[in-house]
Protein backbone atom coordinates (compact mmCIF):
# COMPACT_ATOMS: atom_id res chain seq x y z
CA MET A 1 -121.49 88.13 83.58
CA LYS A 2 -121.05 87.49 87.29
CA ARG A 3 -123.96 86.25 89.39
CA SER A 4 -124.10 89.54 91.34
CA ALA A 5 -124.26 91.50 88.10
CA LEU A 6 -127.13 89.40 86.80
CA LEU A 7 -128.99 89.79 90.09
CA PHE A 8 -128.63 93.56 89.77
CA LEU A 9 -129.85 93.41 86.16
CA LEU A 10 -132.92 91.31 86.94
CA THR A 11 -133.75 93.48 89.95
CA ALA A 12 -133.58 96.59 87.78
CA MET A 13 -135.76 94.96 85.13
CA MET A 14 -138.42 94.02 87.69
CA ALA A 15 -138.32 97.50 89.19
CA MET A 16 -139.09 98.98 85.78
CA ALA A 17 -142.52 97.35 85.91
CA ALA A 18 -143.43 98.69 89.36
CA PRO A 19 -145.73 101.72 89.56
CA ALA A 20 -144.01 104.96 90.46
CA TYR A 21 -146.67 105.79 93.02
CA SER A 22 -148.46 104.04 95.85
CA GLN A 23 -152.14 103.12 95.96
CA THR A 24 -154.29 100.82 98.04
CA ASP A 25 -153.84 97.21 96.97
CA GLU A 26 -156.82 96.17 94.85
CA LEU A 27 -157.45 93.15 92.63
CA LEU A 28 -159.03 93.65 89.21
CA LEU A 29 -159.04 90.01 88.14
CA ALA A 30 -157.05 86.75 88.24
CA PHE A 31 -156.34 84.39 85.36
CA THR A 32 -154.70 81.18 84.19
CA GLY A 33 -153.50 80.19 80.74
CA PHE A 34 -150.52 79.52 78.52
CA ASP A 35 -148.03 81.73 76.68
CA TYR A 36 -146.35 81.29 73.30
CA GLN A 37 -143.99 83.00 70.88
CA ASP A 38 -145.39 84.56 67.71
CA PRO A 39 -143.58 85.34 65.54
CA ASN A 40 -140.99 82.76 66.53
CA SER A 41 -138.17 83.33 64.06
CA ASN A 42 -135.61 81.37 66.10
CA PRO A 43 -137.31 78.32 67.67
CA SER A 44 -134.06 77.22 69.33
CA VAL A 45 -133.97 80.39 71.49
CA PHE A 46 -136.64 81.25 74.06
CA LEU A 47 -137.86 84.78 73.31
CA ALA A 48 -135.12 86.01 71.02
CA VAL A 49 -134.93 89.74 70.32
CA GLY A 50 -137.60 90.72 67.82
CA GLU A 51 -139.92 87.80 68.60
CA GLY A 52 -143.46 88.28 69.84
CA TYR A 53 -144.85 87.30 73.24
CA LYS A 54 -148.51 86.31 73.44
CA ALA A 55 -150.80 84.52 75.90
CA VAL A 56 -154.37 83.25 76.07
CA GLY A 57 -156.46 81.70 78.82
CA PHE A 58 -159.35 82.09 81.23
CA VAL A 59 -160.24 84.69 83.84
CA THR A 60 -160.89 82.80 87.08
CA SER A 61 -162.05 85.51 89.50
CA PHE A 62 -162.79 89.23 89.78
CA GLY A 63 -162.09 91.94 92.31
CA PRO A 64 -164.66 94.32 93.81
CA LEU A 65 -164.84 96.69 90.84
CA LEU A 66 -165.99 93.99 88.40
CA ASP A 67 -167.46 91.28 90.61
CA PRO A 68 -170.97 92.83 90.75
CA TRP A 69 -171.13 92.88 86.94
CA THR A 70 -169.82 89.38 86.19
CA ASP A 71 -171.19 85.86 86.64
CA VAL A 72 -168.99 82.85 85.94
CA SER A 73 -172.02 80.54 86.17
CA VAL A 74 -173.52 81.89 82.94
CA GLU A 75 -170.57 83.41 81.11
CA GLU A 76 -167.08 82.34 80.12
CA TYR A 77 -164.34 84.92 80.61
CA THR A 78 -161.12 84.80 78.62
CA PHE A 79 -158.02 86.94 78.11
CA HIS A 80 -155.59 87.70 75.32
CA ILE A 81 -152.16 89.33 75.68
CA PHE A 82 -150.55 90.42 72.42
CA ASP A 83 -148.45 93.04 70.56
CA LEU A 84 -145.48 92.54 72.91
CA THR A 85 -142.13 92.36 71.09
CA VAL A 86 -138.87 91.36 72.76
CA ALA A 87 -136.58 94.41 72.91
CA THR A 88 -133.68 93.06 75.01
CA ARG A 89 -132.58 89.64 76.17
CA GLN A 90 -129.96 88.79 78.81
CA ALA A 91 -128.86 85.25 79.63
CA PHE A 92 -126.48 83.75 82.17
CA GLY A 93 -126.33 80.01 82.75
CA SER A 94 -129.90 78.84 83.24
CA PHE A 95 -131.25 82.37 83.80
CA VAL A 96 -132.91 84.52 81.13
CA GLY A 97 -134.42 87.98 81.39
CA VAL A 98 -136.24 89.83 78.62
CA THR A 99 -137.87 93.22 78.26
CA CYS A 100 -140.53 94.05 75.67
CA THR A 101 -141.31 97.19 73.74
CA ASN A 102 -144.10 99.37 75.07
CA GLY A 103 -147.51 99.40 73.44
CA GLY A 104 -148.59 95.80 74.09
CA ARG A 105 -152.25 95.03 74.64
CA GLY A 106 -154.27 93.02 77.12
CA ARG A 107 -157.97 92.32 76.59
CA TYR A 108 -160.62 90.48 78.59
CA PHE A 109 -163.68 88.95 76.95
CA TYR A 110 -167.01 87.51 78.05
CA ASP A 111 -169.17 84.97 76.23
CA ASP A 112 -172.46 83.28 77.13
CA LEU A 113 -171.93 79.64 77.99
CA PRO A 114 -174.00 77.40 75.70
CA PRO A 115 -177.13 76.02 77.37
CA PRO A 116 -178.33 72.55 76.29
CA GLY A 117 -179.01 72.80 72.59
CA GLY A 118 -177.64 76.32 72.46
CA VAL A 119 -174.63 77.81 70.76
CA GLY A 120 -171.41 79.26 72.06
CA THR A 121 -167.66 79.10 71.58
CA HIS A 122 -165.55 77.57 74.31
CA GLY A 123 -161.94 78.74 74.48
CA THR A 124 -159.80 75.91 73.08
CA TYR A 125 -156.00 75.97 73.14
CA GLY A 126 -155.20 73.43 70.43
CA VAL A 127 -151.53 72.96 69.58
CA ASN A 128 -148.77 75.02 67.97
CA PRO A 129 -150.41 78.45 68.21
CA PRO A 130 -151.50 80.50 66.42
CA ASN A 131 -153.85 77.82 65.15
CA ALA A 132 -157.50 77.29 64.20
CA THR A 133 -158.73 77.79 67.78
CA ALA A 134 -156.14 80.01 69.48
CA PRO A 135 -156.38 82.87 69.79
CA SER A 136 -159.65 82.91 67.79
CA THR A 137 -161.89 81.07 70.30
CA PHE A 138 -160.60 83.27 73.12
CA ILE A 139 -161.35 86.56 71.35
CA ASP A 140 -164.53 85.88 69.33
CA ALA A 141 -166.73 87.00 72.23
CA VAL A 142 -167.52 90.48 73.57
CA MET A 143 -164.43 92.47 74.48
CA GLY A 144 -165.32 93.68 77.98
CA LEU A 145 -162.16 95.51 79.01
CA GLY A 146 -158.77 96.24 77.55
CA GLY A 147 -155.66 98.32 78.02
CA SER A 148 -152.11 99.03 77.04
CA ILE A 149 -149.17 97.12 78.51
CA ASP A 150 -145.84 98.87 79.04
CA ASN A 151 -142.55 98.08 80.82
CA PHE A 152 -143.18 94.36 80.42
CA VAL A 153 -140.44 92.07 81.71
CA LEU A 154 -140.15 88.31 82.00
CA THR A 155 -137.48 86.43 83.93
CA TYR A 156 -137.00 82.69 83.77
CA ASN A 157 -134.82 80.02 85.36
CA PHE A 158 -134.50 76.98 83.12
CA GLY A 159 -132.83 75.15 85.99
CA THR A 160 -136.12 75.06 87.89
CA ASN A 161 -138.47 75.68 84.93
CA GLN A 162 -140.03 78.60 86.77
CA GLY A 163 -140.22 82.30 86.09
CA ASN A 164 -142.32 85.40 86.48
CA PHE A 165 -143.67 88.24 84.37
CA GLN A 166 -144.83 91.76 85.10
CA GLY A 167 -145.89 94.90 83.27
CA ASN A 168 -147.81 98.13 83.78
CA MET A 169 -151.36 98.19 82.41
CA THR A 170 -153.51 101.24 81.68
CA LEU A 171 -157.18 100.46 81.07
CA ASP A 172 -158.60 102.36 78.10
CA GLU A 173 -161.32 100.41 76.25
CA GLY A 174 -164.41 98.22 76.55
CA PRO A 175 -167.85 98.56 78.20
CA TYR A 176 -166.50 97.45 81.59
CA LEU A 177 -164.33 100.58 81.59
CA ALA A 178 -167.43 102.39 82.88
CA TYR A 179 -167.07 100.45 86.15
CA ILE A 180 -163.49 101.63 86.70
CA PRO A 181 -163.11 105.08 88.30
CA VAL A 182 -161.13 107.42 86.07
CA ALA A 183 -158.50 107.84 88.79
CA GLN A 184 -157.94 104.06 88.84
CA ARG A 185 -157.60 103.37 85.12
CA ALA A 186 -153.82 103.66 85.29
CA GLY A 187 -151.39 102.04 87.73
CA TRP A 188 -152.47 98.41 87.30
CA VAL A 189 -149.80 95.72 87.31
CA LEU A 190 -150.27 92.65 85.17
CA GLY A 191 -148.08 89.89 86.54
CA GLY A 192 -147.67 86.41 87.88
CA LEU A 193 -145.81 83.13 87.58
CA ALA A 194 -144.77 81.23 84.48
CA GLY A 195 -143.59 77.64 84.64
CA ARG A 196 -143.70 74.08 83.44
CA PRO A 197 -144.82 72.19 86.56
CA ASN A 198 -146.56 69.35 84.73
CA GLY A 199 -147.24 67.80 81.36
CA THR A 200 -150.51 69.62 80.71
CA ILE A 201 -148.97 72.37 78.59
CA PRO A 202 -150.21 71.84 75.01
CA THR A 203 -147.61 71.32 72.30
CA GLY A 204 -146.32 74.63 70.97
CA TYR A 205 -147.03 76.66 74.10
CA ASP A 206 -144.15 77.61 76.38
CA ASP A 207 -145.38 78.09 79.93
CA GLN A 208 -148.36 77.64 82.19
CA LEU A 209 -149.39 81.03 83.58
CA SER A 210 -151.02 82.00 86.84
CA GLY A 211 -151.45 85.72 87.24
CA GLU A 212 -153.39 88.75 88.33
CA CYS A 213 -154.08 92.30 87.29
CA ARG A 214 -154.07 94.52 90.37
CA ILE A 215 -153.10 97.89 91.78
CA PRO A 216 -150.49 96.88 94.36
CA GLY A 217 -149.90 98.66 97.63
CA SER A 218 -146.39 99.99 98.19
CA THR A 219 -145.44 97.20 100.60
CA ASN A 220 -146.74 94.41 98.39
CA THR A 221 -145.00 95.85 95.35
CA THR A 222 -141.64 95.91 97.12
CA HIS A 223 -141.97 92.41 98.53
CA GLY A 224 -143.26 91.03 95.25
CA THR A 225 -140.40 92.48 93.23
CA TRP A 226 -137.63 91.24 95.53
CA GLY A 227 -139.39 87.94 96.11
CA ALA A 228 -139.61 87.23 92.42
CA VAL A 229 -135.92 87.89 91.89
CA LYS A 230 -134.84 85.91 94.94
CA ALA A 231 -136.97 82.94 93.85
CA LEU A 232 -134.80 82.60 90.76
CA TYR A 233 -131.76 81.93 92.95
CA ARG A 234 -133.21 79.25 95.21
């Protein structure tokens, strides 16, 4: 496959995850964490067709819809992405692009931080997930908000060990859903960067994630999509 053909393919894949309509740019929340493959039937291939894509980590900040109802000083906020299965995989040189079947899930949890002498479960990654602490310690709290994930794509450049991911998210469960206007429960984009910039990634995880869930404005969506693709060719 020629370079121009792959660029067209990756651009098309990223465009699949962009909302079909324009709204005012608005952040729901931001997060960091790590992703992993489960099931991982072919460990020698990154995200082979039929394998599962999952991620766990911590919510680091909230946008205006949730900020009044959250408090990072007294609660720990975590996330879990699951039920995404690789549907297609394209590779050329150091570049890989995958799409996942629709119907994935993303959930955000909140848990009281343990005061001195108190009890509480801190999210712990461990190694080689799924394991005794992941995803269990990230999801054993109160599920505050969740939704379906469709049109999920991930592109990666093994030459630079950097990539990006993006999918559409429709919010549909959890007590925090009451704080989201009905008209804004669809159209969210879950996306961000995936990479291996340092040695802090625990054994068995693939990438360090830095991402957001937001409703993007039309300008930001266009720039973000092209910027992500162009970054793979730098």
